[in-house]
Amino acid sequence: MNWIPLNSVEQLDLIHEASFVKPQVIFKHSTTCSISNMAFARFERSAAPDTIDFYYLDLLNFRAISNSIAEKFKVHHESPQVILLKNGACTYDESHYGIMMDELIEQAGV
């Protein structure tokens, strides 16, 4: 998995624009949460398509970015959480035990 670190609010505009070209995924992860660690490990073991950009957000260090994501893309905060962006909008989000790579790929349509 080639994660792109998400560590600035300014990146959200770039992710928004890129979502018109190819699907963008944001994985919000709390490193102190056992459920988040399990979801992250399961996601890491999955084959990730090159046709999707994957961003990693460390919630403990960048909580303000999570708040900006909720506002910008009209999705409520959860942790762990995966958010799929296509054509400038959140088209799918899932949290906790529902985070599955195959479901994400299906929703992305790639």
Foldseek 3Di string as FASTA:
>chain_A
DDADEDADLVVVVVQLVCLAVAKEKEWEAEPVDPLRVVLVVQVVPDDDDPRYHYYYYHCVNHVVSQVSCCVQQVHDDDHGKMFMGHNRHTQDMDHGPPRDRVVVCVSRVD
